Amino acid sequence: MMRVINFKNIIYFFFFLIVILSVVFFKKNILEFVKAIFLNYWFNLLLTLIVFALTIYHKFYFNQISLKGFIEVKKIKTSISDVLSLVTDPSTFICSFAIIKGLFLDYYFSYKYFELFKDYEKMFLFIASFFFFINSSIELKDYCTELFINETEEISDVTS
């Protein structure tokens, strides 16, 4: 068996090494940069608009919202749920992002977002927010993939 050098993994390794070393040596600058992004009004507004627009467009594009269900009594419950998901799905992402932002600023820069909370409460708040943030991010990634990346079928030559 012949061994082959995996250049892709070597590149990944050195990339992560550079990132780790950058964090170690430039921690203060990185924290200030993240703080500037978190406190930027336009970044937060744009993020909110993109998440809501993406969710709404995806749900209408794939016919996941049926306003016809409001006519039939048996389908009202699912129709209300579908319409509310237009708001609740992106709100989960935005709220979890806002909580993580507040916890970051509270921990690293002593902003008083959660001054009445104990440290263990902040930890549980972070765990829950991180969970919702990751789930929402994965859902948004799936929306982007479904909307913007076309899958093509490979045409194979059949020769017999």
Protein backbone atom coordinates (compact mmCIF):
# COMPACT_ATOMS: atom_id res chain seq x y z
CA MET A 1 0.00 0.00 0.00
CA MET A 2 1.38 3.34 -1.04
CA ARG A 3 1.10 6.33 1.26
CA VAL A 4 0.10 9.67 -0.16
CA ILE A 5 0.56 13.05 1.49
CA ASN A 6 -2.78 14.70 2.20
CA PHE A 7 -2.06 18.34 1.34
CA LYS A 8 -5.61 19.41 2.14
CA ASN A 9 -5.24 18.36 5.79
CA ILE A 10 -1.79 19.94 6.00
CA ILE A 11 -3.23 23.25 4.79
CA TYR A 12 -6.09 22.98 7.31
CA PHE A 13 -3.64 22.22 10.10
CA PHE A 14 -1.48 25.25 9.36
CA PHE A 15 -4.55 27.46 8.96
CA PHE A 16 -5.83 26.46 12.40
CA LEU A 17 -2.35 26.85 13.85
CA ILE A 18 -2.17 30.40 12.50
CA VAL A 19 -5.64 31.17 13.89
CA ILE A 20 -4.69 29.83 17.33
CA LEU A 21 -1.42 31.74 17.38
CA SER A 22 -3.22 34.89 16.26
CA VAL A 23 -5.68 34.57 19.14
CA VAL A 24 -2.84 34.03 21.60
CA PHE A 25 -0.77 36.99 20.44
CA PHE A 26 -3.53 39.40 19.36
CA LYS A 27 -6.29 38.58 21.84
CA LYS A 28 -6.91 42.19 22.86
CA ASN A 29 -7.16 43.37 19.24
CA ILE A 30 -9.47 40.52 18.29
CA LEU A 31 -11.73 41.19 21.28
CA GLU A 32 -11.92 44.90 20.36
CA PHE A 33 -12.76 43.98 16.76
CA VAL A 34 -15.55 41.62 17.87
CA LYS A 35 -16.83 44.30 20.26
CA ALA A 36 -16.92 46.84 17.43
CA ILE A 37 -18.94 44.44 15.28
CA PHE A 38 -21.35 43.60 18.09
CA LEU A 39 -21.97 47.28 18.89
CA ASN A 40 -22.37 48.34 15.26
CA TYR A 41 -25.97 49.35 14.66
CA TRP A 42 -25.85 48.68 10.90
CA PHE A 43 -24.38 45.21 11.33
CA ASN A 44 -27.14 44.21 13.73
CA LEU A 45 -29.85 45.72 11.53
CA LEU A 46 -28.48 44.07 8.39
CA LEU A 47 -28.15 40.70 10.12
CA THR A 48 -31.76 40.92 11.30
CA LEU A 49 -33.06 41.89 7.87
CA ILE A 50 -31.10 39.15 6.10
CA VAL A 51 -32.29 36.45 8.50
CA PHE A 52 -35.93 37.50 8.27
CA ALA A 53 -35.83 37.93 4.48
CA LEU A 54 -34.13 34.57 3.98
CA THR A 55 -36.63 32.76 6.19
CA ILE A 56 -39.68 34.38 4.64
CA TYR A 57 -38.43 33.87 1.09
CA HIS A 58 -37.56 30.22 1.77
CA LYS A 59 -40.96 29.45 3.30
CA PHE A 60 -42.88 31.03 0.43
CA TYR A 61 -40.57 29.63 -2.27
CA PHE A 62 -41.06 26.06 -1.06
CA ASN A 63 -44.79 26.58 -0.32
CA GLN A 64 -44.40 25.95 3.39
CA ILE A 65 -46.89 28.71 4.13
CA SER A 66 -50.46 28.04 3.13
CA LEU A 67 -52.87 30.89 3.64
CA LYS A 68 -55.62 28.72 2.16
CA GLY A 69 -55.68 26.78 5.42
CA PHE A 70 -57.39 29.65 7.16
CA ILE A 71 -60.53 28.90 5.13
CA GLU A 72 -60.82 25.31 6.34
CA VAL A 73 -61.56 24.93 10.04
CA LYS A 74 -59.50 21.71 10.37
CA LYS A 75 -56.36 23.37 8.98
CA ILE A 76 -56.46 26.64 10.95
CA LYS A 77 -54.16 25.33 13.67
CA THR A 78 -51.40 24.30 11.24
CA SER A 79 -51.86 27.48 9.21
CA ILE A 80 -51.43 29.65 12.30
CA SER A 81 -48.33 27.67 13.21
CA ASP A 82 -46.94 28.13 9.70
CA VAL A 83 -47.53 31.88 9.73
CA LEU A 84 -46.07 32.28 13.23
CA SER A 85 -42.96 30.38 12.12
CA LEU A 86 -42.24 33.31 9.79
CA VAL A 87 -41.47 35.30 12.93
CA THR A 88 -40.37 32.68 15.45
CA ASP A 89 -37.73 30.94 13.32
CA PRO A 90 -35.63 34.05 12.61
CA SER A 91 -36.38 35.45 16.08
CA THR A 92 -34.71 32.41 17.63
CA PHE A 93 -31.50 33.23 15.76
CA ILE A 94 -31.62 36.96 16.50
CA CYS A 95 -32.46 36.53 20.19
CA SER A 96 -29.79 33.91 20.78
CA PHE A 97 -27.26 36.11 18.97
CA ALA A 98 -28.28 39.09 21.13
CA ILE A 99 -27.92 37.08 24.34
CA ILE A 100 -24.50 35.77 23.31
CA LYS A 101 -23.49 39.33 22.38
CA GLY A 102 -24.63 40.60 25.78
CA LEU A 103 -22.80 37.82 27.62
CA PHE A 104 -19.61 38.50 25.61
CA LEU A 105 -19.72 42.23 26.37
CA ASP A 106 -20.61 41.53 29.99
CA TYR A 107 -17.73 39.09 30.48
CA TYR A 108 -14.90 40.75 28.53
CA PHE A 109 -15.78 44.45 28.81
CA SER A 110 -17.85 44.66 32.02
CA TYR A 111 -20.98 45.94 30.29
CA LYS A 112 -23.95 45.55 32.59
CA TYR A 113 -26.32 43.53 30.42
CA PHE A 114 -27.01 40.88 33.05
CA GLU A 115 -26.11 42.59 36.31
CA LEU A 116 -28.87 40.88 38.31
CA PHE A 117 -27.81 37.41 37.15
CA LYS A 118 -25.43 35.19 39.06
CA ASP A 119 -22.46 33.63 37.27
CA TYR A 120 -24.04 30.18 37.15
CA GLU A 121 -27.22 31.68 35.65
CA LYS A 122 -25.14 33.40 32.97
CA MET A 123 -23.46 30.08 32.24
CA PHE A 124 -26.81 28.32 31.74
CA LEU A 125 -28.07 31.25 29.69
CA PHE A 126 -25.00 30.94 27.47
CA ILE A 127 -25.46 27.18 27.07
CA ALA A 128 -29.12 27.56 26.05
CA SER A 129 -28.39 30.52 23.76
CA PHE A 130 -25.49 28.73 22.12
CA PHE A 131 -27.67 25.68 21.49
CA PHE A 132 -30.39 27.79 19.86
CA PHE A 133 -27.82 29.82 17.92
CA ILE A 134 -26.20 26.70 16.46
CA ASN A 135 -29.55 25.11 15.58
CA SER A 136 -30.77 28.31 13.95
CA SER A 137 -27.49 28.73 12.07
CA ILE A 138 -27.73 25.21 10.70
CA GLU A 139 -31.31 25.88 9.65
CA LEU A 140 -30.27 29.11 7.89
CA LYS A 141 -27.41 27.30 6.18
CA ASP A 142 -29.89 24.70 4.94
CA TYR A 143 -32.17 27.47 3.67
CA CYS A 144 -29.27 29.02 1.75
CA THR A 145 -28.25 25.66 0.32
CA GLU A 146 -31.79 24.87 -0.83
CA LEU A 147 -32.32 28.31 -2.32
CA PHE A 148 -28.99 29.18 -3.87
CA ILE A 149 -27.21 25.93 -4.75
CA ASN A 150 -28.62 23.86 -7.57
CA GLU A 151 -27.95 20.17 -7.57
CA THR A 152 -27.17 18.81 -10.99
CA GLU A 153 -27.46 15.25 -12.04
CA GLU A 154 -24.40 13.76 -13.58
CA ILE A 155 -24.94 12.26 -16.97
CA SER A 156 -23.15 9.00 -17.28
CA ASP A 157 -22.17 7.39 -20.50
CA VAL A 158 -23.81 4.04 -20.82
CA THR A 159 -21.82 1.89 -23.14
CA SER A 160 -22.54 -1.77 -23.34
